[in-house]
């Protein structure tokens, strides 16, 4: 339901034709990622990506998801969405 332009009516029409793979997700290490790495994540805006990188430069490497909560521009909903796609 997070696909651009896909509403609940269209989803109901195609749901029997959609499958989800069990393949492991490719994660991005936030301690080594550059801007271009992070911009591939559709849940992060330019400002949020910049804040992640600047916080890392000022405070050192992230040790876990709790460190992302220290970035004011990232709300809990965004952190929850990106959590499966990042590593430390």
PDB file of N, CA and C in Angstrom:
ATOM      1  N   UNK A   1       0.811  -1.203   0.000  1.00  0.00           N
ATOM      2  CA  UNK A   1       0.000   0.000   0.000  1.00  0.00           C
ATOM      3  C   UNK A   1       0.854   1.266   0.000  1.00  0.00           C
ATOM      4  N   UNK A   2       2.163   1.122   0.034  1.00  0.00           N
ATOM      5  CA  UNK A   2       3.025   2.295   0.025  1.00  0.00           C
ATOM      6  C   UNK A   2       3.556   2.624  -1.363  1.00  0.00           C
ATOM      7  N   UNK A   3       3.018   1.977  -2.372  1.00  0.00           N
ATOM      8  CA  UNK A   3       3.433   2.238  -3.744  1.00  0.00           C
ATOM      9  C   UNK A   3       2.704   3.477  -4.239  1.00  0.00           C
ATOM     10  N   UNK A   4       3.466   4.420  -4.805  1.00  0.00           N
ATOM     11  CA  UNK A   4       2.887   5.662  -5.296  1.00  0.00           C
ATOM     12  C   UNK A   4       1.795   5.364  -6.310  1.00  0.00           C
ATOM     13  N   UNK A   5       0.638   5.964  -6.115  1.00  0.00           N
ATOM     14  CA  UNK A   5      -0.467   5.832  -7.043  1.00  0.00           C
ATOM     15  C   UNK A   5      -1.333   4.598  -6.830  1.00  0.00           C
ATOM     16  N   UNK A   6      -0.983   3.760  -5.858  1.00  0.00           N
ATOM     17  CA  UNK A   6      -1.752   2.553  -5.589  1.00  0.00           C
ATOM     18  C   UNK A   6      -2.677   2.795  -4.410  1.00  0.00           C
ATOM     19  N   UNK A   7      -3.960   2.884  -4.707  1.00  0.00           N
ATOM     20  CA  UNK A   7      -4.933   3.091  -3.631  1.00  0.00           C
ATOM     21  C   UNK A   7      -5.551   1.754  -3.237  1.00  0.00           C
ATOM     22  N   UNK A   8      -6.402   1.775  -2.236  1.00  0.00           N
ATOM     23  CA  UNK A   8      -6.982   0.539  -1.719  1.00  0.00           C
ATOM     24  C   UNK A   8      -7.872  -0.161  -2.746  1.00  0.00           C
ATOM     25  N   UNK A   9      -8.515   0.590  -3.614  1.00  0.00           N
ATOM     26  CA  UNK A   9      -9.372  -0.006  -4.638  1.00  0.00           C
ATOM     27  C   UNK A   9      -8.524  -0.795  -5.642  1.00  0.00           C
ATOM     28  N   UNK A  10      -7.441  -0.174  -6.091  1.00  0.00           N
ATOM     29  CA  UNK A  10      -6.565  -0.846  -7.056  1.00  0.00           C
ATOM     30  C   UNK A  10      -5.879  -2.045  -6.409  1.00  0.00           C
ATOM     31  N   UNK A  11      -5.473  -1.894  -5.157  1.00  0.00           N
ATOM     32  CA  UNK A  11      -4.848  -3.001  -4.446  1.00  0.00           C
ATOM     33  C   UNK A  11      -5.804  -4.191  -4.349  1.00  0.00           C
ATOM     34  N   UNK A  12      -7.060  -3.935  -4.039  1.00  0.00           N
ATOM     35  CA  UNK A  12      -8.048  -5.006  -3.943  1.00  0.00           C
ATOM     36  C   UNK A  12      -8.174  -5.754  -5.267  1.00  0.00           C
ATOM     37  N   UNK A  13      -8.012  -5.047  -6.381  1.00  0.00           N
ATOM     38  CA  UNK A  13      -8.107  -5.661  -7.704  1.00  0.00           C
ATOM     39  C   UNK A  13      -6.927  -6.584  -7.998  1.00  0.00           C
ATOM     40  N   UNK A  14      -5.738  -6.220  -7.514  1.00  0.00           N
ATOM     41  CA  UNK A  14      -4.534  -6.957  -7.897  1.00  0.00           C
ATOM     42  C   UNK A  14      -3.920  -7.797  -6.782  1.00  0.00           C
ATOM     43  N   UNK A  15      -4.489  -7.787  -5.596  1.00  0.00           N
ATOM     44  CA  UNK A  15      -3.848  -8.432  -4.441  1.00  0.00           C
ATOM     45  C   UNK A  15      -3.577  -9.920  -4.646  1.00  0.00           C
ATOM     46  N   UNK A  16      -4.397 -10.612  -5.408  1.00  0.00           N
ATOM     47  CA  UNK A  16      -4.174 -12.039  -5.646  1.00  0.00           C
ATOM     48  C   UNK A  16      -3.021 -12.288  -6.624  1.00  0.00           C
ATOM     49  N   UNK A  17      -2.574 -11.261  -7.299  1.00  0.00           N
ATOM     50  CA  UNK A  17      -1.482 -11.383  -8.260  1.00  0.00           C
ATOM     51  C   UNK A  17      -0.154 -10.917  -7.682  1.00  0.00           C
ATOM     52  N   UNK A  18      -0.159 -10.415  -6.443  1.00  0.00           N
ATOM     53  CA  UNK A  18       1.035  -9.863  -5.816  1.00  0.00           C
ATOM     54  C   UNK A  18       1.627 -10.894  -4.860  1.00  0.00           C
ATOM     55  N   UNK A  19       2.948 -11.011  -4.891  1.00  0.00           N
ATOM     56  CA  UNK A  19       3.629 -11.884  -3.932  1.00  0.00           C
ATOM     57  C   UNK A  19       4.807 -11.129  -3.335  1.00  0.00           C
ATOM     58  N   UNK A  20       5.191 -11.548  -2.155  1.00  0.00           N
ATOM     59  CA  UNK A  20       6.297 -10.915  -1.455  1.00  0.00           C
ATOM     60  C   UNK A  20       7.398 -11.950  -1.280  1.00  0.00           C
ATOM     61  N   UNK A  21       8.600 -11.566  -1.603  1.00  0.00           N
ATOM     62  CA  UNK A  21       9.738 -12.467  -1.514  1.00  0.00           C
ATOM     63  C   UNK A  21      10.251 -12.560  -0.079  1.00  0.00           C
ATOM     64  N   UNK A  22      10.787 -13.707   0.275  1.00  0.00           N
ATOM     65  CA  UNK A  22      11.414 -13.895   1.582  1.00  0.00           C
ATOM     66  C   UNK A  22      12.914 -13.600   1.539  1.00  0.00           C
ATOM     67  N   UNK A  23      13.388 -13.072   0.438  1.00  0.00           N
ATOM     68  CA  UNK A  23      14.814 -12.774   0.296  1.00  0.00           C
ATOM     69  C   UNK A  23      15.238 -11.775   1.364  1.00  0.00           C
ATOM     70  N   UNK A  24      16.428 -11.956   1.919  1.00  0.00           N
ATOM     71  CA  UNK A  24      16.891 -11.015   2.946  1.00  0.00           C
ATOM     72  C   UNK A  24      17.062  -9.604   2.366  1.00  0.00           C
ATOM     73  N   UNK A  25      16.751  -8.625   3.180  1.00  0.00           N
ATOM     74  CA  UNK A  25      16.888  -7.233   2.750  1.00  0.00           C
ATOM     75  C   UNK A  25      18.355  -6.834   2.707  1.00  0.00           C
ATOM     76  N   UNK A  26      18.681  -6.001   1.753  1.00  0.00           N
ATOM     77  CA  UNK A  26      20.025  -5.444   1.690  1.00  0.00           C
ATOM     78  C   UNK A  26      20.021  -4.198   2.570  1.00  0.00           C
ATOM     79  N   UNK A  27      20.873  -4.206   3.582  1.00  0.00           N
ATOM     80  CA  UNK A  27      20.906  -3.072   4.505  1.00  0.00           C
ATOM     81  C   UNK A  27      22.050  -2.129   4.171  1.00  0.00           C
ATOM     82  N   UNK A  28      21.901  -0.913   4.645  1.00  0.00           N
ATOM     83  CA  UNK A  28      22.933   0.111   4.474  1.00  0.00           C
ATOM     84  C   UNK A  28      23.487   0.431   5.853  1.00  0.00           C
ATOM     85  N   UNK A  29      24.792   0.388   5.993  1.00  0.00           N
ATOM     86  CA  UNK A  29      25.430   0.707   7.263  1.00  0.00           C
ATOM     87  C   UNK A  29      25.450   2.229   7.418  1.00  0.00           C
ATOM     88  N   UNK A  30      24.722   2.743   8.407  1.00  0.00           N
ATOM     89  CA  UNK A  30      24.632   4.193   8.591  1.00  0.00           C
ATOM     90  C   UNK A  30      25.939   4.802   9.084  1.00  0.00           C
ATOM     91  N   UNK A  31      26.861   3.982   9.545  1.00  0.00           N
ATOM     92  CA  UNK A  31      28.145   4.507  10.005  1.00  0.00           C
ATOM     93  C   UNK A  31      29.138   4.715   8.869  1.00  0.00           C
ATOM     94  N   UNK A  32      28.877   4.108   7.718  1.00  0.00           N
ATOM     95  CA  UNK A  32      29.783   4.266   6.578  1.00  0.00           C
ATOM     96  C   UNK A  32      29.083   4.837   5.349  1.00  0.00           C
ATOM     97  N   UNK A  33      27.761   4.953   5.410  1.00  0.00           N
ATOM     98  CA  UNK A  33      26.980   5.399   4.249  1.00  0.00           C
ATOM     99  C   UNK A  33      27.255   6.857   3.909  1.00  0.00           C
ATOM    100  N   UNK A  34      27.290   7.123   2.622  1.00  0.00           N
ATOM    101  CA  UNK A  34      27.376   8.493   2.130  1.00  0.00           C
ATOM    102  C   UNK A  34      25.974   8.905   1.678  1.00  0.00           C
ATOM    103  N   UNK A  35      25.825  10.159   1.326  1.00  0.00           N
ATOM    104  CA  UNK A  35      24.518  10.695   0.960  1.00  0.00           C
ATOM    105  C   UNK A  35      23.829   9.845  -0.103  1.00  0.00           C
ATOM    106  N   UNK A  36      24.562   9.498  -1.165  1.00  0.00           N
ATOM    107  CA  UNK A  36      23.955   8.747  -2.268  1.00  0.00           C
ATOM    108  C   UNK A  36      23.464   7.370  -1.833  1.00  0.00           C
ATOM    109  N   UNK A  37      24.132   6.765  -0.856  1.00  0.00           N
ATOM    110  CA  UNK A  37      23.667   5.473  -0.331  1.00  0.00           C
ATOM    111  C   UNK A  37      22.310   5.640   0.354  1.00  0.00           C
ATOM    112  N   UNK A  38      22.206   6.655   1.185  1.00  0.00           N
ATOM    113  CA  UNK A  38      20.986   6.864   1.969  1.00  0.00           C
ATOM    114  C   UNK A  38      19.823   7.382   1.134  1.00  0.00           C
ATOM    115  N   UNK A  39      20.108   8.066   0.041  1.00  0.00           N
ATOM    116  CA  UNK A  39      18.998   8.620  -0.748  1.00  0.00           C
ATOM    117  C   UNK A  39      18.228   7.543  -1.497  1.00  0.00           C
ATOM    118  N   UNK A  40      18.733   6.329  -1.525  1.00  0.00           N
ATOM    119  CA  UNK A  40      17.995   5.226  -2.135  1.00  0.00           C
ATOM    120  C   UNK A  40      16.830   4.779  -1.260  1.00  0.00           C
ATOM    121  N   UNK A  41      16.839   5.202  -0.007  1.00  0.00           N
ATOM    122  CA  UNK A  41      15.739   4.849   0.886  1.00  0.00           C
ATOM    123  C   UNK A  41      14.597   5.837   0.671  1.00  0.00           C
ATOM    124  N   UNK A  42      13.444   5.368   0.233  1.00  0.00           N
ATOM    125  CA  UNK A  42      12.348   6.284  -0.103  1.00  0.00           C
ATOM    126  C   UNK A  42      11.712   6.972   1.106  1.00  0.00           C
ATOM    127  N   UNK A  43      12.040   6.521   2.306  1.00  0.00           N
ATOM    128  CA  UNK A  43      11.431   7.101   3.504  1.00  0.00           C
ATOM    129  C   UNK A  43      12.212   8.301   4.041  1.00  0.00           C
ATOM    130  N   UNK A  44      13.378   8.581   3.475  1.00  0.00           N
ATOM    131  CA  UNK A  44      14.212   9.674   3.982  1.00  0.00           C
ATOM    132  C   UNK A  44      14.226  10.847   3.017  1.00  0.00           C
ATOM    133  N   UNK A  45      14.071  12.038   3.562  1.00  0.00           N
ATOM    134  CA  UNK A  45      14.162  13.257   2.757  1.00  0.00           C
ATOM    135  C   UNK A  45      15.616  13.733   2.731  1.00  0.00           C
ATOM    136  N   UNK A  46      15.877  14.694   1.873  1.00  0.00           N
ATOM    137  CA  UNK A  46      17.216  15.287   1.788  1.00  0.00           C
ATOM    138  C   UNK A  46      17.666  15.804   3.153  1.00  0.00           C
ATOM    139  N   UNK A  47      16.780  16.532   3.833  1.00  0.00           N
ATOM    140  CA  UNK A  47      17.130  17.106   5.136  1.00  0.00           C
ATOM    141  C   UNK A  47      17.410  16.027   6.175  1.00  0.00           C
ATOM    142  N   UNK A  48      16.637  14.955   6.146  1.00  0.00           N
ATOM    143  CA  UNK A  48      16.847  13.871   7.102  1.00  0.00           C
ATOM    144  C   UNK A  48      18.168  13.150   6.851  1.00  0.00           C
ATOM    145  N   UNK A  49      18.482  12.918   5.592  1.00  0.00           N
ATOM    146  CA  UNK A  49      19.750  12.279   5.243  1.00  0.00           C
ATOM    147  C   UNK A  49      20.904  13.152   5.703  1.00  0.00           C
ATOM    148  N   UNK A  50      20.813  14.428   5.430  1.00  0.00           N
ATOM    149  CA  UNK A  50      21.863  15.359   5.840  1.00  0.00           C
ATOM    150  C   UNK A  50      22.014  15.357   7.364  1.00  0.00           C
ATOM    151  N   UNK A  51      20.906  15.321   8.084  1.00  0.00           N
ATOM    152  CA  UNK A  51      20.950  15.312   9.544  1.00  0.00           C
ATOM    153  C   UNK A  51      21.622  14.040  10.064  1.00  0.00           C
ATOM    154  N   UNK A  52      21.337  12.903   9.448  1.00  0.00           N
ATOM    155  CA  UNK A  52      21.967  11.640   9.852  1.00  0.00           C
ATOM    156  C   UNK A  52      23.478  11.713   9.681  1.00  0.00           C
ATOM    157  N   UNK A  53      23.910  12.221   8.551  1.00  0.00           N
ATOM    158  CA  UNK A  53      25.346  12.312   8.269  1.00  0.00           C
ATOM    159  C   UNK A  53      26.017  13.339   9.176  1.00  0.00           C
ATOM    160  N   UNK A  54      25.403  14.500   9.370  1.00  0.00           N
ATOM    161  CA  UNK A  54      25.994  15.540  10.218  1.00  0.00           C
ATOM    162  C   UNK A  54      26.082  15.094  11.677  1.00  0.00           C
ATOM    163  N   UNK A  55      25.062  14.409  12.153  1.00  0.00           N
ATOM    164  CA  UNK A  55      25.080  13.913  13.536  1.00  0.00           C
ATOM    165  C   UNK A  55      26.234  12.925  13.710  1.00  0.00           C
ATOM    166  N   UNK A  56      26.417  12.056  12.724  1.00  0.00           N
ATOM    167  CA  UNK A  56      27.521  11.082  12.778  1.00  0.00           C
ATOM    168  C   UNK A  56      28.873  11.794  12.798  1.00  0.00           C
ATOM    169  N   UNK A  57      29.007  12.847  12.001  1.00  0.00           N
ATOM    170  CA  UNK A  57      30.266  13.596  11.979  1.00  0.00           C
ATOM    171  C   UNK A  57      30.550  14.274  13.318  1.00  0.00           C
ATOM    172  N   UNK A  58      29.511  14.766  13.963  1.00  0.00           N
ATOM    173  CA  UNK A  58      29.670  15.498  15.219  1.00  0.00           C
ATOM    174  C   UNK A  58      29.807  14.582  16.434  1.00  0.00           C
ATOM    175  N   UNK A  59      29.125  13.439  16.413  1.00  0.00           N
ATOM    176  CA  UNK A  59      29.046  12.594  17.614  1.00  0.00           C
ATOM    177  C   UNK A  59      29.695  11.227  17.461  1.00  0.00           C
ATOM    178  N   UNK A  60      30.189  10.908  16.295  1.00  0.00           N
ATOM    179  CA  UNK A  60      30.791   9.595  16.072  1.00  0.00           C
ATOM    180  C   UNK A  60      29.764   8.597  15.565  1.00  0.00           C
ATOM    181  N   UNK A  61      30.198   7.368  15.444  1.00  0.00           N
ATOM    182  CA  UNK A  61      29.351   6.323  14.889  1.00  0.00           C
ATOM    183  C   UNK A  61      28.122   6.043  15.745  1.00  0.00           C
ATOM    184  N   UNK A  62      27.084   5.601  15.064  1.00  0.00           N
ATOM    185  CA  UNK A  62      25.864   5.167  15.736  1.00  0.00           C
ATOM    186  C   UNK A  62      26.110   3.775  16.309  1.00  0.00           C
ATOM    187  N   UNK A  63      25.589   3.531  17.492  1.00  0.00           N
ATOM    188  CA  UNK A  63      25.730   2.193  18.079  1.00  0.00           C
ATOM    189  C   UNK A  63      24.450   1.377  17.927  1.00  0.00           C
ATOM    190  N   UNK A  64      23.348   2.037  17.662  1.00  0.00           N
ATOM    191  CA  UNK A  64      22.089   1.320  17.499  1.00  0.00           C
ATOM    192  C   UNK A  64      20.965   2.256  17.137  1.00  0.00           C
ATOM    193  N   UNK A  65      19.795   1.692  17.009  1.00  0.00           N
ATOM    194  CA  UNK A  65      18.611   2.452  16.587  1.00  0.00           C
ATOM    195  C   UNK A  65      18.284   3.587  17.554  1.00  0.00           C
ATOM    196  N   UNK A  66      18.597   3.412  18.822  1.00  0.00           N
ATOM    197  CA  UNK A  66      18.300   4.436  19.831  1.00  0.00           C
ATOM    198  C   UNK A  66      19.036   5.743  19.521  1.00  0.00           C
ATOM    199  N   UNK A  67      20.196   5.648  18.891  1.00  0.00           N
ATOM    200  CA  UNK A  67      20.946   6.866  18.547  1.00  0.00           C
ATOM    201  C   UNK A  67      20.213   7.711  17.516  1.00  0.00           C
ATOM    202  N   UNK A  68      19.442   7.089  16.650  1.00  0.00           N
ATOM    203  CA  UNK A  68      18.694   7.848  15.650  1.00  0.00           C
ATOM    204  C   UNK A  68      17.600   8.690  16.292  1.00  0.00           C
ATOM    205  N   UNK A  69      17.131   8.265  17.447  1.00  0.00           N
ATOM    206  CA  UNK A  69      16.092   9.019  18.153  1.00  0.00           C
ATOM    207  C   UNK A  69      16.613  10.363  18.654  1.00  0.00           C
ATOM    208  N   UNK A  70      17.914  10.530  18.691  1.00  0.00           N
ATOM    209  CA  UNK A  70      18.532  11.782  19.139  1.00  0.00           C
ATOM    210  C   UNK A  70      18.510  12.850  18.049  1.00  0.00           C
ATOM    211  N   UNK A  71      18.161  12.467  16.843  1.00  0.00           N
ATOM    212  CA  UNK A  71      18.093  13.406  15.723  1.00  0.00           C
ATOM    213  C   UNK A  71      16.680  13.966  15.669  1.00  0.00           C
ATOM    214  N   UNK A  72      16.551  15.242  15.949  1.00  0.00           N
ATOM    215  CA  UNK A  72      15.237  15.877  16.093  1.00  0.00           C
ATOM    216  C   UNK A  72      14.365  15.753  14.850  1.00  0.00           C
ATOM    217  N   UNK A  73      14.948  15.758  13.684  1.00  0.00           N
ATOM    218  CA  UNK A  73      14.173  15.749  12.442  1.00  0.00           C
ATOM    219  C   UNK A  73      13.627  14.355  12.106  1.00  0.00           C
ATOM    220  N   UNK A  74      14.068  13.330  12.817  1.00  0.00           N
ATOM    221  CA  UNK A  74      13.559  11.974  12.600  1.00  0.00           C
ATOM    222  C   UNK A  74      12.514  11.642  13.653  1.00  0.00           C
ATOM    223  N   UNK A  75      11.296  11.408  13.221  1.00  0.00           N
ATOM    224  CA  UNK A  75      10.266  11.007  14.179  1.00  0.00           C
ATOM    225  C   UNK A  75      10.242   9.479  14.291  1.00  0.00           C
ATOM    226  N   UNK A  76       9.511   8.983  15.257  1.00  0.00           N
ATOM    227  CA  UNK A  76       9.484   7.539  15.514  1.00  0.00           C
ATOM    228  C   UNK A  76       8.946   6.767  14.317  1.00  0.00           C
ATOM    229  N   UNK A  77       7.981   7.322  13.636  1.00  0.00           N
ATOM    230  CA  UNK A  77       7.404   6.650  12.468  1.00  0.00           C
ATOM    231  C   UNK A  77       8.464   6.451  11.379  1.00  0.00           C
ATOM    232  N   UNK A  78       9.260   7.474  11.113  1.00  0.00           N
ATOM    233  CA  UNK A  78      10.311   7.363  10.108  1.00  0.00           C
ATOM    234  C   UNK A  78      11.360   6.353  10.539  1.00  0.00           C
ATOM    235  N   UNK A  79      11.759   6.404  11.792  1.00  0.00           N
ATOM    236  CA  UNK A  79      12.758   5.461  12.304  1.00  0.00           C
ATOM    237  C   UNK A  79      12.248   4.029  12.165  1.00  0.00           C
ATOM    238  N   UNK A  80      10.991   3.807  12.486  1.00  0.00           N
ATOM    239  CA  UNK A  80      10.409   2.467  12.359  1.00  0.00           C
ATOM    240  C   UNK A  80      10.409   1.988  10.905  1.00  0.00           C
ATOM    241  N   UNK A  81      10.176   2.901   9.966  1.00  0.00           N
ATOM    242  CA  UNK A  81      10.147   2.530   8.554  1.00  0.00           C
ATOM    243  C   UNK A  81      11.530   2.207   8.021  1.00  0.00           C
ATOM    244  N   UNK A  82      12.549   2.933   8.465  1.00  0.00           N
ATOM    245  CA  UNK A  82      13.892   2.695   7.913  1.00  0.00           C
ATOM    246  C   UNK A  82      14.663   1.597   8.653  1.00  0.00           C
ATOM    247  N   UNK A  83      14.219   1.241   9.847  1.00  0.00           N
ATOM    248  CA  UNK A  83      14.948   0.274  10.681  1.00  0.00           C
ATOM    249  C   UNK A  83      15.305  -1.038   9.963  1.00  0.00           C
ATOM    250  N   UNK A  84      14.399  -1.638   9.184  1.00  0.00           N
ATOM    251  CA  UNK A  84      14.767  -2.897   8.525  1.00  0.00           C
ATOM    252  C   UNK A  84      15.840  -2.747   7.437  1.00  0.00           C
ATOM    253  N   UNK A  85      16.080  -1.524   7.000  1.00  0.00           N
ATOM    254  CA  UNK A  85      16.972  -1.281   5.880  1.00  0.00           C
ATOM    255  C   UNK A  85      18.343  -0.741   6.278  1.00  0.00           C
ATOM    256  N   UNK A  86      18.586  -0.586   7.570  1.00  0.00           N
ATOM    257  CA  UNK A  86      19.868  -0.043   8.014  1.00  0.00           C
ATOM    258  C   UNK A  86      20.562  -1.000   8.974  1.00  0.00           C
ATOM    259  N   UNK A  87      21.873  -0.848   9.059  1.00  0.00           N
ATOM    260  CA  UNK A  87      22.672  -1.612  10.016  1.00  0.00           C
ATOM    261  C   UNK A  87      23.677  -0.660  10.633  1.00  0.00           C
ATOM    262  N   UNK A  88      24.335  -1.135  11.685  1.00  0.00           N
ATOM    263  CA  UNK A  88      25.259  -0.289  12.433  1.00  0.00           C
ATOM    264  C   UNK A  88      26.636  -0.948  12.523  1.00  0.00           C
TER     265      UNK A  88
END
